[in-house]
Amino acid sequence: MALNHTALPQNQGLPHYLQDGDPFASKLSWEADLVAGVYLIIIGILSTVGNGYVLYMSSTRKKKLRPAEIMTVNLAVCDLGISVVGKPFTIISCFCHRWVFGWIGCRWYGWAGFFFGCGSLITMTAVSLDRYLKICYLSYGVWLKRKHTYICLAFIWAYASFWTTMPLVGLGDYVPEPFGTSCTLDWWLAQATVGGQIFILNILFFCLLLPTAVIVFSYVKIIAKVKSSSKKVAHFDSRIHGSHMLEMKLTKVAMLICAGFLIAWIPYAVVSVWSAFGRPDSIPIQLSVVPTLLAKSSAMYNPIIYQVIDYKLACCQTRGLRANKKKSLENFRLHTITTVRETTAVLEIHQEQVKFTGTHELKERVLVIIIMVSMARN
């Protein structure tokens, strides 16, 4: 089936670069396209292998996955979708020195990239809220179960589907990037009509600014809560303090995942906003390709963070080490289990004391112990 490369869509407000010439012809040099193609191949392989490994390891213990781990699996699915569904289109186009899949392929690629990217950001927003509730509001953290996680996943996919499908039903469009070998949301629609401006502003707010604000708010509150609790925890057993430090490591993992995603996507978002509301042709084409390539690398970071920082994976990797290291690992696990059990016992004792005495000091200690037990179990 022949692909129509040059026929323009029936749209009232086309980007300025689509009004003349072939929109699918690469505006970069052959050498630049080859470098971009090789770069995307490397990124695609690392992302596919890394996220595929995360999904495989999760499938081996799928019945034992905790709510937070289920959200991590969903994030890996989104990242794998970006790599498998999207990157082959761009790689082939880079080596062909033009977009070769026509308008249908352009809209499919733009939708898939936006869909999985939005899904990743909303998933990380849900993860940050989960950490926030479990650490700062114990009652809600205990209440959240697996069924609530599945409801949250349904909301994430529905949310991403709603905003990414709107351009396909006439409220926007997906068009080629200025450099020609990739497609994206029609940010330039904001320069054509007032309705286009409203649509783009809604996309920016609900698919970027609001999720980012929730993520930042959640982790700022978590850091403040943990910092204030650290001083009180120092007065208790050192093993409780060890559980506290492990919880901090888990929180740092989630924070780094979000930071990696935002660092990769914010430059692209800035360029997109400038394209939507700035002066046309004010961003050189050679410069606009850099944020796009950086954003496409976001799916590669998360598996690396899991491997390097997540202490659970680090424990699994020590199985083949020397006997003394294995013994240390066993002692660590026994130490952690003992900490949880002893902390639970201390909690029961303190709770009984509070019932009889009701003193402010005991209540405060029980609250701190409850927080630490929750963090150790989660």
Foldseek 3Di string as FASTA:
>chain_A
DAADQQDDDPDPDDAPLNVDDGLFAFPDDLVVLLVLLVLLVVLLVLLQVLLVVLLVVCVVVVVPDWLLSVLVNQLSVLLNQLSPVASVQLNVQSNVRTRRHHQVVQQSNQLSNQLSLLLNLLSLLVSLVLLLCVQVPVVVNVVDGNVNSVVSNVVSNVVSCVLSCVCVVPQFTKGADNRNRHIHTPLQLLVPDVSSVVSNVVCCVPRPVVSVVSNVVSVVSNVVRLVVLLVVCVVDDVLLVVLSVLLVLVSVLSVVLNVLQCVLQVVLVVVSNCSNPNDPPPQPSVRNVVSVSSNSSSSSPNSVSCCPRNVVNVLVVCPPPDPVVVVVSVVVVVSLVVVLVVLVVVLVVLVVVCVVPVDPVSVVSSVSSSSSSSSSVD
